[in-house]
């Protein structure tokens, strides 16, 4: 049975996720840009590439939604980049994540449009030859919110 605190936290997270999904994309973009430019600290990330092995991302076959499956499959292809990126759902606070990569080692990323958007943005920018630092700057300025998820509606996505 959930404690009152756990129930309150779960309800607050659900309402925040619902708000993100229901806000028009323009409103989300301005809200994220305002948050990114405020005095709020940047969420956790690593400034350097990993020196050792990275954890595996969750197998996309365990997921149903094609966009979610693609986010996990593409996250697996750019793990070293995701390791160096922050996640603006602030899962570093709520779940102890150390970078965007941690969102895709469990089901967390599958339930969060911010995580999925940032991962798809990171993948696309990596394919364009951008560095992790350049991608991080784009995430911090809210560029990830312009990702067209329609092209990820079929699994597997065409590169």
N, C-alpha and C. Protein backbone atom coordinates (compact mmCIF):
# COMPACT_ATOMS: atom_id res chain seq x y z
N UNK A 1 0.84 -1.17 0.00
CA UNK A 1 0.00 0.00 0.00
C UNK A 1 0.89 1.24 0.00
N UNK A 2 0.51 2.24 -0.75
CA UNK A 2 1.29 3.47 -0.85
C UNK A 2 1.05 4.36 0.36
N UNK A 3 2.13 4.99 0.80
CA UNK A 3 1.98 5.96 1.88
C UNK A 3 1.39 7.24 1.30
N UNK A 4 0.95 8.13 2.16
CA UNK A 4 0.36 9.38 1.71
C UNK A 4 1.37 10.18 0.90
N UNK A 5 2.62 10.18 1.35
CA UNK A 5 3.67 10.93 0.63
C UNK A 5 3.90 10.33 -0.76
N UNK A 6 3.96 9.02 -0.87
CA UNK A 6 4.16 8.37 -2.16
C UNK A 6 2.98 8.65 -3.09
N UNK A 7 1.77 8.59 -2.54
CA UNK A 7 0.57 8.86 -3.32
C UNK A 7 0.58 10.31 -3.83
N UNK A 8 0.96 11.25 -2.98
CA UNK A 8 1.01 12.66 -3.36
C UNK A 8 2.07 12.88 -4.44
N UNK A 9 3.24 12.27 -4.28
CA UNK A 9 4.31 12.41 -5.26
C UNK A 9 3.88 11.82 -6.60
N UNK A 10 3.29 10.64 -6.57
CA UNK A 10 2.85 9.99 -7.81
C UNK A 10 1.78 10.83 -8.50
N UNK A 11 0.86 11.38 -7.75
CA UNK A 11 -0.19 12.22 -8.33
C UNK A 11 0.41 13.48 -8.95
N UNK A 12 1.35 14.10 -8.26
CA UNK A 12 1.99 15.31 -8.78
C UNK A 12 2.75 15.01 -10.07
N UNK A 13 3.48 13.89 -10.11
CA UNK A 13 4.21 13.51 -11.32
C UNK A 13 3.26 13.23 -12.48
N UNK A 14 2.16 12.54 -12.18
CA UNK A 14 1.18 12.24 -13.21
C UNK A 14 0.58 13.52 -13.77
N UNK A 15 0.21 14.45 -12.91
CA UNK A 15 -0.38 15.71 -13.36
C UNK A 15 0.62 16.54 -14.17
N UNK A 16 1.89 16.54 -13.75
CA UNK A 16 2.91 17.26 -14.51
C UNK A 16 3.08 16.65 -15.90
N UNK A 17 3.13 15.32 -15.99
CA UNK A 17 3.26 14.65 -17.28
C UNK A 17 2.04 14.93 -18.15
N UNK A 18 0.85 14.90 -17.57
CA UNK A 18 -0.37 15.18 -18.31
C UNK A 18 -0.36 16.60 -18.84
N UNK A 19 0.09 17.54 -18.03
CA UNK A 19 0.17 18.94 -18.44
C UNK A 19 1.12 19.09 -19.63
N UNK A 20 2.26 18.41 -19.58
CA UNK A 20 3.23 18.49 -20.67
C UNK A 20 2.62 17.96 -21.96
N UNK A 21 1.88 16.86 -21.87
CA UNK A 21 1.29 16.26 -23.05
C UNK A 21 0.18 17.14 -23.61
N UNK A 22 -0.60 17.78 -22.74
CA UNK A 22 -1.76 18.54 -23.20
C UNK A 22 -1.45 19.97 -23.61
N UNK A 23 -0.33 20.53 -23.19
CA UNK A 23 0.03 21.89 -23.58
C UNK A 23 0.34 21.93 -25.07
N UNK A 24 -0.12 22.97 -25.77
CA UNK A 24 0.28 23.09 -27.17
C UNK A 24 1.80 23.20 -27.27
N UNK A 25 2.38 22.74 -28.38
CA UNK A 25 3.84 22.70 -28.48
C UNK A 25 4.47 24.07 -28.33
N UNK A 26 3.84 25.13 -28.79
CA UNK A 26 4.38 26.47 -28.63
C UNK A 26 4.48 26.87 -27.17
N UNK A 27 3.46 26.52 -26.39
CA UNK A 27 3.48 26.83 -24.96
C UNK A 27 4.56 26.03 -24.25
N UNK A 28 4.72 24.75 -24.66
CA UNK A 28 5.77 23.92 -24.06
C UNK A 28 7.13 24.51 -24.37
N UNK A 29 7.31 24.95 -25.61
CA UNK A 29 8.60 25.49 -26.03
C UNK A 29 8.96 26.71 -25.22
N UNK A 30 8.02 27.68 -25.07
CA UNK A 30 8.36 28.87 -24.29
C UNK A 30 8.59 28.54 -22.83
N UNK A 31 7.80 27.62 -22.29
CA UNK A 31 7.96 27.25 -20.88
C UNK A 31 9.32 26.61 -20.65
N UNK A 32 9.74 25.73 -21.54
CA UNK A 32 11.03 25.07 -21.37
C UNK A 32 12.17 26.05 -21.56
N UNK A 33 12.04 26.95 -22.53
CA UNK A 33 13.10 27.93 -22.74
C UNK A 33 13.22 28.85 -21.55
N UNK A 34 12.08 29.24 -20.98
CA UNK A 34 12.12 30.10 -19.80
C UNK A 34 12.78 29.35 -18.65
N UNK A 35 12.40 28.08 -18.47
CA UNK A 35 13.00 27.30 -17.38
C UNK A 35 14.49 27.10 -17.61
N UNK A 36 14.88 26.84 -18.86
CA UNK A 36 16.29 26.60 -19.16
C UNK A 36 17.12 27.86 -18.95
N UNK A 37 16.52 29.02 -19.15
CA UNK A 37 17.26 30.27 -19.03
C UNK A 37 17.16 30.88 -17.64
N UNK A 38 16.40 30.26 -16.75
CA UNK A 38 16.26 30.81 -15.41
C UNK A 38 17.48 30.46 -14.57
N UNK A 39 17.40 30.78 -13.30
CA UNK A 39 18.51 30.48 -12.39
C UNK A 39 18.52 29.02 -11.95
N UNK A 40 17.59 28.22 -12.45
CA UNK A 40 17.50 26.81 -12.11
C UNK A 40 18.78 26.10 -12.56
N UNK A 41 19.37 25.29 -11.70
CA UNK A 41 20.59 24.59 -12.11
C UNK A 41 20.31 23.57 -13.22
N UNK A 42 21.30 23.36 -14.06
CA UNK A 42 21.19 22.38 -15.13
C UNK A 42 21.15 20.99 -14.47
N UNK A 43 20.25 20.12 -14.92
CA UNK A 43 20.21 18.76 -14.37
C UNK A 43 21.55 18.03 -14.56
N UNK A 44 21.71 16.94 -13.84
CA UNK A 44 22.97 16.18 -13.85
C UNK A 44 23.32 15.65 -15.25
N UNK A 45 24.61 15.70 -15.55
CA UNK A 45 25.17 15.12 -16.76
C UNK A 45 26.68 15.00 -16.56
N UNK A 46 27.33 14.31 -17.48
CA UNK A 46 28.78 14.12 -17.41
C UNK A 46 29.42 14.99 -18.48
N UNK A 47 30.48 15.70 -18.12
CA UNK A 47 31.13 16.61 -19.07
C UNK A 47 32.07 15.89 -20.04
N UNK A 48 32.48 14.70 -19.69
CA UNK A 48 33.43 13.95 -20.52
C UNK A 48 32.80 12.62 -20.96
N UNK A 49 33.32 12.04 -22.05
CA UNK A 49 32.83 10.72 -22.46
C UNK A 49 33.12 9.69 -21.37
N UNK A 50 32.37 8.61 -21.36
CA UNK A 50 32.59 7.58 -20.34
C UNK A 50 33.96 6.93 -20.50
N UNK A 51 34.54 6.52 -19.38
CA UNK A 51 35.83 5.84 -19.43
C UNK A 51 35.67 4.33 -19.39
N UNK A 52 34.52 3.87 -18.96
CA UNK A 52 34.28 2.43 -18.88
C UNK A 52 33.03 2.06 -19.66
N UNK A 53 32.60 0.85 -19.43
CA UNK A 53 31.40 0.35 -20.10
C UNK A 53 30.16 1.07 -19.57
N UNK A 54 29.21 1.26 -20.43
CA UNK A 54 27.95 1.90 -20.05
C UNK A 54 26.87 0.84 -19.87
N UNK A 55 25.87 1.13 -19.05
CA UNK A 55 24.79 0.16 -18.87
C UNK A 55 23.99 0.01 -20.17
N UNK A 56 23.39 -1.14 -20.33
CA UNK A 56 22.53 -1.37 -21.49
C UNK A 56 21.24 -0.59 -21.35
N UNK A 57 20.71 -0.14 -22.48
CA UNK A 57 19.39 0.44 -22.46
C UNK A 57 18.38 -0.71 -22.47
N UNK A 58 17.17 -0.41 -22.07
CA UNK A 58 16.13 -1.43 -22.04
C UNK A 58 15.81 -1.88 -23.47
N UNK A 59 15.52 -3.15 -23.63
CA UNK A 59 15.21 -3.73 -24.94
C UNK A 59 13.89 -3.16 -25.47
N UNK A 60 13.90 -2.51 -26.64
CA UNK A 60 12.67 -1.94 -27.20
C UNK A 60 11.57 -2.98 -27.42
N UNK A 61 11.93 -4.25 -27.58
CA UNK A 61 10.92 -5.30 -27.79
C UNK A 61 9.98 -5.43 -26.59
N UNK A 62 10.39 -4.93 -25.44
CA UNK A 62 9.55 -5.00 -24.24
C UNK A 62 8.48 -3.90 -24.21
N UNK A 63 8.51 -3.02 -25.20
CA UNK A 63 7.62 -1.87 -25.22
C UNK A 63 6.60 -1.99 -26.34
N UNK A 64 5.48 -1.29 -26.22
CA UNK A 64 4.40 -1.40 -27.20
C UNK A 64 4.39 -0.27 -28.23
N UNK A 65 4.43 0.96 -27.77
CA UNK A 65 4.28 2.14 -28.61
C UNK A 65 5.48 2.28 -29.56
N UNK A 66 5.23 2.46 -30.86
CA UNK A 66 6.35 2.54 -31.81
C UNK A 66 7.28 3.74 -31.56
N UNK A 67 6.76 4.88 -31.16
CA UNK A 67 7.61 6.03 -30.88
C UNK A 67 8.52 5.72 -29.69
N UNK A 68 7.96 5.10 -28.67
CA UNK A 68 8.74 4.73 -27.49
C UNK A 68 9.80 3.69 -27.87
N UNK A 69 9.40 2.69 -28.65
CA UNK A 69 10.35 1.67 -29.09
C UNK A 69 11.51 2.30 -29.85
N UNK A 70 11.19 3.24 -30.74
CA UNK A 70 12.24 3.91 -31.52
C UNK A 70 13.13 4.75 -30.62
N UNK A 71 12.54 5.43 -29.63
CA UNK A 71 13.36 6.23 -28.71
C UNK A 71 14.37 5.34 -28.00
N UNK A 72 13.95 4.17 -27.54
CA UNK A 72 14.86 3.26 -26.85
C UNK A 72 15.90 2.67 -27.81
N UNK A 73 15.47 2.29 -29.01
CA UNK A 73 16.41 1.71 -29.98
C UNK A 73 17.47 2.73 -30.39
N UNK A 74 17.06 3.97 -30.60
CA UNK A 74 18.01 5.00 -31.02
C UNK A 74 18.87 5.46 -29.85
N UNK A 75 18.31 5.46 -28.65
CA UNK A 75 19.10 5.79 -27.45
C UNK A 75 20.26 4.80 -27.32
N UNK A 76 20.00 3.54 -27.62
CA UNK A 76 21.05 2.52 -27.53
C UNK A 76 22.20 2.81 -28.50
N UNK A 77 21.89 3.48 -29.60
CA UNK A 77 22.92 3.77 -30.61
C UNK A 77 23.79 4.98 -30.23
N UNK A 78 23.29 5.82 -29.31
CA UNK A 78 24.05 7.03 -28.94
C UNK A 78 24.25 7.11 -27.42
N UNK A 79 24.51 5.97 -26.81
CA UNK A 79 24.66 5.93 -25.34
C UNK A 79 25.75 6.87 -24.85
N UNK A 80 26.88 6.95 -25.56
CA UNK A 80 27.98 7.81 -25.11
C UNK A 80 27.57 9.28 -25.15
N UNK A 81 26.72 9.64 -26.08
CA UNK A 81 26.22 11.01 -26.16
C UNK A 81 25.22 11.26 -25.02
N UNK A 82 24.26 10.35 -24.85
CA UNK A 82 23.25 10.53 -23.80
C UNK A 82 23.89 10.61 -22.41
N UNK A 83 24.99 9.92 -22.23
CA UNK A 83 25.74 9.96 -20.97
C UNK A 83 26.19 11.38 -20.65
N UNK A 84 26.37 12.19 -21.70
CA UNK A 84 26.87 13.55 -21.53
C UNK A 84 25.77 14.61 -21.61
N UNK A 85 24.51 14.18 -21.52
CA UNK A 85 23.40 15.12 -21.66
C UNK A 85 22.54 15.17 -20.39
N UNK A 86 22.03 16.36 -20.06
CA UNK A 86 21.11 16.49 -18.93
C UNK A 86 19.69 16.09 -19.35
N UNK A 87 18.84 15.83 -18.40
CA UNK A 87 17.44 15.53 -18.68
C UNK A 87 16.58 16.53 -17.92
N UNK A 88 15.84 17.31 -18.66
CA UNK A 88 15.05 18.37 -18.05
C UNK A 88 13.73 17.92 -17.44
N UNK A 89 13.53 16.62 -17.28
CA UNK A 89 12.39 16.19 -16.45
C UNK A 89 12.85 16.15 -14.99
N UNK A 90 14.11 16.49 -14.78
CA UNK A 90 14.73 16.56 -13.45
C UNK A 90 14.68 15.22 -12.71
N UNK A 91 14.87 14.15 -13.46
CA UNK A 91 14.93 12.83 -12.85
C UNK A 91 16.19 12.65 -12.02
N UNK A 92 17.15 13.57 -12.18
CA UNK A 92 18.33 13.52 -11.32
C UNK A 92 17.90 13.74 -9.86
N UNK A 93 16.91 14.57 -9.66
CA UNK A 93 16.40 14.83 -8.30
C UNK A 93 15.48 13.72 -7.81
N UNK A 94 14.52 13.35 -8.66
CA UNK A 94 13.49 12.40 -8.25
C UNK A 94 13.97 10.95 -8.25
N UNK A 95 14.89 10.61 -9.17
CA UNK A 95 15.30 9.21 -9.32
C UNK A 95 16.80 8.99 -9.18
N UNK A 96 17.56 10.04 -8.95
CA UNK A 96 19.00 9.91 -8.79
C UNK A 96 19.75 9.67 -10.09
N UNK A 97 19.13 10.00 -11.23
CA UNK A 97 19.80 9.80 -12.51
C UNK A 97 21.00 10.72 -12.65
N UNK A 98 22.05 10.20 -13.30
CA UNK A 98 23.27 10.97 -13.49
C UNK A 98 23.36 11.61 -14.87
N UNK A 99 22.44 11.23 -15.77
CA UNK A 99 22.43 11.80 -17.12
C UNK A 99 21.18 11.28 -17.84
N UNK A 100 20.99 11.75 -19.06
CA UNK A 100 19.86 11.32 -19.88
C UNK A 100 19.91 9.82 -20.16
N UNK A 101 21.09 9.24 -20.23
CA UNK A 101 21.20 7.80 -20.49
C UNK A 101 20.45 6.99 -19.45
N UNK A 102 20.50 7.39 -18.20
CA UNK A 102 19.84 6.63 -17.13
C UNK A 102 18.34 6.48 -17.35
N UNK A 103 17.73 7.39 -18.08
CA UNK A 103 16.29 7.32 -18.35
C UNK A 103 15.94 6.11 -19.20
N UNK A 104 16.91 5.60 -19.96
CA UNK A 104 16.64 4.52 -20.91
C UNK A 104 17.17 3.17 -20.47
N UNK A 105 17.66 3.09 -19.24
CA UNK A 105 18.08 1.79 -18.69
C UNK A 105 16.94 1.13 -17.93
N UNK A 106 15.81 1.84 -17.83
CA UNK A 106 14.60 1.33 -17.18
C UNK A 106 13.40 1.83 -17.98
N UNK A 107 12.22 1.66 -17.45
CA UNK A 107 11.00 2.12 -18.14
C UNK A 107 10.78 3.62 -17.99
N UNK A 108 11.60 4.31 -17.21
CA UNK A 108 11.38 5.73 -16.95
C UNK A 108 11.20 6.52 -18.25
N UNK A 109 12.10 6.35 -19.20
CA UNK A 109 12.03 7.10 -20.46
C UNK A 109 10.76 6.83 -21.24
N UNK A 110 10.17 5.66 -21.08
CA UNK A 110 8.97 5.30 -21.82
C UNK A 110 7.75 6.08 -21.37
N UNK A 111 7.81 6.65 -20.19
CA UNK A 111 6.67 7.37 -19.62
C UNK A 111 6.88 8.87 -19.63
N UNK A 112 7.93 9.35 -20.31
CA UNK A 112 8.29 10.76 -20.21
C UNK A 112 8.58 11.34 -21.59
N UNK A 113 7.74 12.26 -22.03
CA UNK A 113 7.94 12.89 -23.33
C UNK A 113 9.19 13.74 -23.38
N UNK A 114 9.62 14.26 -22.24
CA UNK A 114 10.85 15.05 -22.20
C UNK A 114 12.04 14.14 -22.50
N UNK A 115 12.13 13.03 -21.80
CA UNK A 115 13.23 12.08 -22.01
C UNK A 115 13.28 11.62 -23.47
N UNK A 116 12.12 11.21 -24.00
CA UNK A 116 12.08 10.71 -25.36
C UNK A 116 12.45 11.81 -26.36
N UNK A 117 11.92 13.01 -26.17
CA UNK A 117 12.25 14.11 -27.08
C UNK A 117 13.72 14.45 -27.06
N UNK A 118 14.31 14.50 -25.87
CA UNK A 118 15.73 14.81 -25.76
C UNK A 118 16.58 13.70 -26.38
N UNK A 119 16.18 12.45 -26.21
CA UNK A 119 16.95 11.34 -26.79
C UNK A 119 16.87 11.35 -28.32
N UNK A 120 15.68 11.56 -28.87
CA UNK A 120 15.53 11.62 -30.32
C UNK A 120 16.29 12.82 -30.89
N UNK A 121 16.24 13.94 -30.20
CA UNK A 121 17.01 15.12 -30.61
C UNK A 121 18.51 14.80 -30.60
N UNK A 122 18.97 14.15 -29.54
CA UNK A 122 20.39 13.80 -29.43
C UNK A 122 20.81 12.87 -30.56
N UNK A 123 19.97 11.91 -30.88
CA UNK A 123 20.27 10.99 -31.99
C UNK A 123 20.37 11.76 -33.30
N UNK A 124 19.37 12.59 -33.59
CA UNK A 124 19.36 13.33 -34.85
C UNK A 124 20.56 14.27 -34.96
N UNK A 125 20.87 14.95 -33.86
CA UNK A 125 22.00 15.88 -33.89
C UNK A 125 23.33 15.15 -34.02
N UNK A 126 23.44 13.98 -33.43
CA UNK A 126 24.65 13.16 -33.56
C UNK A 126 24.84 12.78 -35.03
N UNK A 127 23.76 12.39 -35.69
CA UNK A 127 23.83 12.03 -37.11
C UNK A 127 24.23 13.23 -37.98
N UNK A 128 23.96 14.44 -37.49
CA UNK A 128 24.35 15.65 -38.22
C UNK A 128 25.79 16.06 -37.91
N UNK A 129 26.46 15.30 -37.04
CA UNK A 129 27.86 15.57 -36.73
C UNK A 129 28.09 16.53 -35.57
N UNK A 130 27.05 16.81 -34.80
CA UNK A 130 27.20 17.73 -33.66
C UNK A 130 27.87 17.00 -32.50
N UNK A 131 28.61 17.75 -31.71
CA UNK A 131 29.30 17.19 -30.54
C UNK A 131 28.33 17.11 -29.36
N UNK A 132 28.64 16.30 -28.36
CA UNK A 132 27.80 16.27 -27.17
C UNK A 132 27.61 17.65 -26.53
N UNK A 133 28.65 18.48 -26.54
CA UNK A 133 28.52 19.83 -25.96
C UNK A 133 27.54 20.68 -26.78
N UNK A 134 27.58 20.57 -28.09
CA UNK A 134 26.64 21.31 -28.93
C UNK A 134 25.22 20.80 -28.74
N UNK A 135 25.07 19.50 -28.60
CA UNK A 135 23.76 18.91 -28.36
C UNK A 135 23.22 19.37 -27.01
N UNK A 136 24.09 19.38 -26.01
CA UNK A 136 23.71 19.83 -24.67
C UNK A 136 23.19 21.27 -24.72
N UNK A 137 23.87 22.13 -25.46
CA UNK A 137 23.43 23.53 -25.60
C UNK A 137 22.05 23.59 -26.25
N UNK A 138 21.81 22.74 -27.22
CA UNK A 138 20.50 22.68 -27.86
C UNK A 138 19.42 22.20 -26.92
N UNK A 139 19.74 21.21 -26.12
CA UNK A 139 18.77 20.71 -25.13
C UNK A 139 18.47 21.82 -24.12
N UNK A 140 19.50 22.50 -23.66
CA UNK A 140 19.31 23.55 -22.66
C UNK A 140 18.47 24.70 -23.20
N UNK A 141 18.54 24.95 -24.49
CA UNK A 141 17.76 26.05 -25.06
C UNK A 141 16.38 25.60 -25.53
N UNK A 142 16.06 24.32 -25.39
CA UNK A 142 14.73 23.82 -25.74
C UNK A 142 14.56 23.38 -27.18
N UNK A 143 15.66 23.28 -27.94
CA UNK A 143 15.55 22.86 -29.34
C UNK A 143 14.95 21.47 -29.50
N UNK A 144 15.13 20.62 -28.50
CA UNK A 144 14.62 19.25 -28.58
C UNK A 144 13.10 19.22 -28.76
N UNK A 145 12.42 20.29 -28.41
CA UNK A 145 10.95 20.31 -28.50
C UNK A 145 10.45 20.44 -29.93
N UNK A 146 11.36 20.64 -30.88
CA UNK A 146 10.96 20.77 -32.28
C UNK A 146 11.11 19.45 -33.04
N UNK A 147 11.35 18.38 -32.31
CA UNK A 147 11.47 17.05 -32.94
C UNK A 147 10.11 16.64 -33.50
N UNK A 148 10.10 16.16 -34.74
CA UNK A 148 8.89 15.68 -35.37
C UNK A 148 8.75 14.19 -35.08
N UNK A 149 7.93 13.86 -34.10
CA UNK A 149 7.79 12.45 -33.72
C UNK A 149 6.99 11.64 -34.74
N UNK A 150 6.34 12.31 -35.70
CA UNK A 150 5.56 11.59 -36.71
C UNK A 150 6.45 10.62 -37.49
N UNK A 151 7.71 10.97 -37.70
CA UNK A 151 8.59 10.07 -38.46
C UNK A 151 9.02 8.85 -37.65
N UNK A 152 8.66 8.81 -36.38
CA UNK A 152 9.00 7.67 -35.52
C UNK A 152 7.78 6.80 -35.22
N UNK A 153 6.68 7.00 -35.95
CA UNK A 153 5.45 6.25 -35.71
C UNK A 153 5.52 4.81 -36.20
N UNK A 154 6.52 4.49 -37.01
CA UNK A 154 6.71 3.13 -37.50
C UNK A 154 8.00 2.60 -36.94
N UNK A 155 7.94 1.37 -36.42
CA UNK A 155 9.13 0.74 -35.85
C UNK A 155 9.59 -0.37 -36.77
N UNK A 156 10.87 -0.47 -37.05
CA UNK A 156 11.95 0.44 -36.66
C UNK A 156 11.97 1.67 -37.56
N UNK A 157 12.46 2.77 -37.00
CA UNK A 157 12.56 4.01 -37.75
C UNK A 157 13.61 3.86 -38.84
N UNK A 158 13.37 4.56 -39.93
CA UNK A 158 14.37 4.55 -41.00
C UNK A 158 15.42 5.60 -40.66
N UNK A 159 16.69 5.23 -40.66
CA UNK A 159 17.75 6.19 -40.26
C UNK A 159 17.85 7.41 -41.10
